């Protein structure tokens, strides 16, 4: 009887430790901070600041976005009454909790969706950012410039 109780308690203990370890591994608070900070800097065209929240391989996309900014875009940004804002709508973990998709609602931002033309203000759009854990820190991984999700995802 004592052996069964000991085995049962050991199993329960291992399960609880496993559940706690998974929660710590995800580090959701840091993931949320990274996604929010990236969106705040990127969608307000503070590209140098946005680099701090990205993987090293994403730097080329941030550099490309920055290289497309024209004086007319800067003037338009300066004329805005308020900056862009964002809100996390959903987080989905994949691949053993080291990769996550974060759905963000972004409002009142200047969109540069056609290269060579002046950006235009967008009231609201939804973007899905890919984040990965590097050295226990969440970073945004860009494989292209962020693009809005299809309209069915916009709130």
Protein backbone atom coordinates (compact mmCIF):
# COMPACT_ATOMS: atom_id res chain seq x y z
CA UNK A 1 0.00 0.00 0.00
CA UNK A 2 2.80 2.40 0.92
CA UNK A 3 4.60 1.62 -2.35
CA UNK A 4 1.50 2.49 -4.41
CA UNK A 5 1.05 5.73 -2.49
CA UNK A 6 4.72 6.64 -2.99
CA UNK A 7 4.54 5.87 -6.71
CA UNK A 8 1.30 7.84 -7.07
CA UNK A 9 2.72 10.86 -5.24
CA UNK A 10 5.90 10.68 -7.33
CA UNK A 11 3.88 10.66 -10.55
CA UNK A 12 1.73 13.58 -9.39
CA UNK A 13 4.87 15.49 -8.38
CA UNK A 14 6.50 14.88 -11.76
CA UNK A 15 3.38 16.03 -13.60
CA UNK A 16 3.20 19.22 -11.51
CA UNK A 17 6.88 19.96 -12.09
CA UNK A 18 6.38 19.38 -15.81
CA UNK A 19 3.43 21.76 -15.93
CA UNK A 20 5.33 24.46 -14.05
CA UNK A 21 8.36 24.04 -16.31
CA UNK A 22 6.21 24.46 -19.42
CA UNK A 23 4.74 27.67 -18.09
CA UNK A 24 8.18 29.09 -17.26
CA UNK A 25 9.56 27.97 -20.62
CA UNK A 26 6.94 29.91 -22.51
CA UNK A 27 7.73 33.13 -20.61
CA UNK A 28 4.52 34.65 -21.91
CA UNK A 29 5.03 38.02 -20.22
CA UNK A 30 8.31 38.56 -22.07
CA UNK A 31 6.70 37.35 -25.32
CA UNK A 32 3.88 39.90 -24.89
CA UNK A 33 6.37 42.67 -24.09
CA UNK A 34 8.45 41.85 -27.18
CA UNK A 35 5.47 41.68 -29.55
CA UNK A 36 3.96 44.90 -28.18
CA UNK A 37 7.27 46.77 -28.19
CA UNK A 38 8.06 45.64 -31.73
CA UNK A 39 4.64 46.74 -32.98
CA UNK A 40 4.90 50.08 -31.18
CA UNK A 41 8.29 50.87 -32.70
CA UNK A 42 7.81 49.33 -36.15
CA UNK A 43 4.39 50.83 -36.88
CA UNK A 44 5.58 54.23 -35.66
CA UNK A 45 8.51 53.89 -38.07
CA UNK A 46 11.14 53.82 -35.32
CA UNK A 47 13.05 51.18 -37.21
CA UNK A 48 16.34 51.39 -35.26
CA UNK A 49 14.41 50.79 -32.04
CA UNK A 50 12.46 47.91 -33.62
CA UNK A 51 15.72 46.04 -34.26
CA UNK A 52 16.09 45.32 -30.54
CA UNK A 53 13.00 43.09 -30.68
CA UNK A 54 14.00 41.10 -33.79
CA UNK A 55 16.14 38.11 -34.61
CA UNK A 56 19.47 38.93 -36.28
CA UNK A 57 18.18 37.54 -39.59
CA UNK A 58 15.29 40.03 -39.49
CA UNK A 59 17.63 43.02 -39.61
CA UNK A 60 17.68 43.04 -43.42
CA UNK A 61 13.89 43.51 -43.54
CA UNK A 62 13.98 46.39 -41.06
CA UNK A 63 16.84 47.96 -43.01
CA UNK A 64 14.87 47.55 -46.24
CA UNK A 65 11.78 49.21 -44.72
CA UNK A 66 13.91 52.10 -43.46
CA UNK A 67 15.52 52.55 -46.87
CA UNK A 68 12.10 53.07 -48.47
CA UNK A 69 11.15 56.06 -46.28
CA UNK A 70 10.90 59.33 -48.22
CA UNK A 71 10.68 62.90 -46.96
CA UNK A 72 6.97 63.00 -47.87
CA UNK A 73 6.42 60.01 -45.55
CA UNK A 74 8.26 61.74 -42.72
CA UNK A 75 6.19 64.90 -43.22
CA UNK A 76 3.00 62.87 -43.18
CA UNK A 77 4.04 61.08 -39.97
CA UNK A 78 4.84 64.40 -38.30
CA UNK A 79 1.41 65.75 -39.23
CA UNK A 80 -0.38 62.86 -37.49
CA UNK A 81 -2.35 63.77 -34.38
CA UNK A 82 -1.37 60.51 -32.67
CA UNK A 83 0.97 57.61 -33.21
CA UNK A 84 0.17 54.02 -33.99
CA UNK A 85 -1.18 51.78 -31.26
CA UNK A 86 -1.46 48.02 -31.02
CA UNK A 87 -3.14 45.31 -29.01
CA UNK A 88 -2.45 41.59 -28.75
CA UNK A 89 -5.54 39.63 -29.78
CA UNK A 90 -4.27 36.05 -29.70
CA UNK A 91 -1.15 33.97 -29.04
CA UNK A 92 -0.63 30.52 -30.54
CA UNK A 93 2.37 28.38 -29.53
CA UNK A 94 3.94 25.89 -31.92
CA UNK A 95 6.93 23.55 -32.11
CA UNK A 96 7.47 22.74 -28.45
CA UNK A 97 6.64 26.22 -27.23
CA UNK A 98 9.74 27.86 -28.77
CA UNK A 99 7.78 29.37 -31.70
CA UNK A 100 4.64 31.47 -31.41
CA UNK A 101 2.28 33.39 -33.67
CA UNK A 102 0.99 36.61 -32.17
CA UNK A 103 -2.07 38.22 -33.73
CA UNK A 104 -1.93 41.99 -33.27
CA UNK A 105 -4.54 44.64 -33.99
CA UNK A 106 -2.74 47.81 -35.10
CA UNK A 107 -4.54 51.15 -35.32
CA UNK A 108 -3.81 54.61 -36.73
CA UNK A 109 -0.60 53.85 -38.58
CA UNK A 110 1.03 55.04 -41.76
CA UNK A 111 1.17 52.11 -44.15
CA UNK A 112 3.89 51.79 -46.74
CA UNK A 113 2.27 49.15 -48.93
CA UNK A 114 3.49 50.31 -52.33
CA UNK A 115 7.18 50.94 -52.83
CA UNK A 116 7.89 54.36 -54.31
CA UNK A 117 4.60 55.96 -53.24
CA UNK A 118 3.80 58.05 -50.18
CA UNK A 119 2.30 56.04 -47.33
CA UNK A 120 -1.33 56.35 -46.33
CA UNK A 121 -2.96 56.21 -42.92
CA UNK A 122 -4.81 53.04 -41.99
CA UNK A 123 -7.44 53.11 -39.26
CA UNK A 124 -7.12 49.46 -38.27
CA UNK A 125 -5.56 46.23 -39.52
CA UNK A 126 -4.58 42.87 -38.09
CA UNK A 127 -1.08 41.44 -38.41
CA UNK A 128 0.31 38.08 -37.36
CA UNK A 129 3.87 38.22 -36.08
CA UNK A 130 6.09 35.16 -35.77
CA UNK A 131 8.19 35.02 -32.62
CA UNK A 132 10.92 32.56 -31.72
CA UNK A 133 12.84 31.93 -28.51
CA UNK A 134 16.56 32.63 -28.76
CA UNK A 135 18.62 32.14 -25.59
CA UNK A 136 15.39 32.11 -23.55
CA UNK A 137 14.27 35.47 -25.01
CA UNK A 138 11.40 35.95 -27.45
CA UNK A 139 12.28 37.77 -30.68
CA UNK A 140 10.23 38.68 -33.76
CA UNK A 141 11.30 36.71 -36.82
CA UNK A 142 10.66 38.45 -40.13
CA UNK A 143 10.87 36.56 -43.41
CA UNK A 144 9.32 39.53 -45.23
CA UNK A 145 7.95 42.93 -44.30
CA UNK A 146 4.88 42.63 -42.06
CA UNK A 147 1.71 42.45 -44.14
CA UNK A 148 -1.87 42.73 -42.93
CA UNK A 149 -3.83 39.52 -42.52
CA UNK A 150 -6.75 38.83 -44.78
CA UNK A 151 -9.86 40.93 -43.98
CA UNK A 152 -11.58 38.03 -42.20
CA UNK A 153 -9.08 38.49 -39.32
CA UNK A 154 -9.55 42.24 -38.91
CA UNK A 155 -11.64 43.42 -35.97
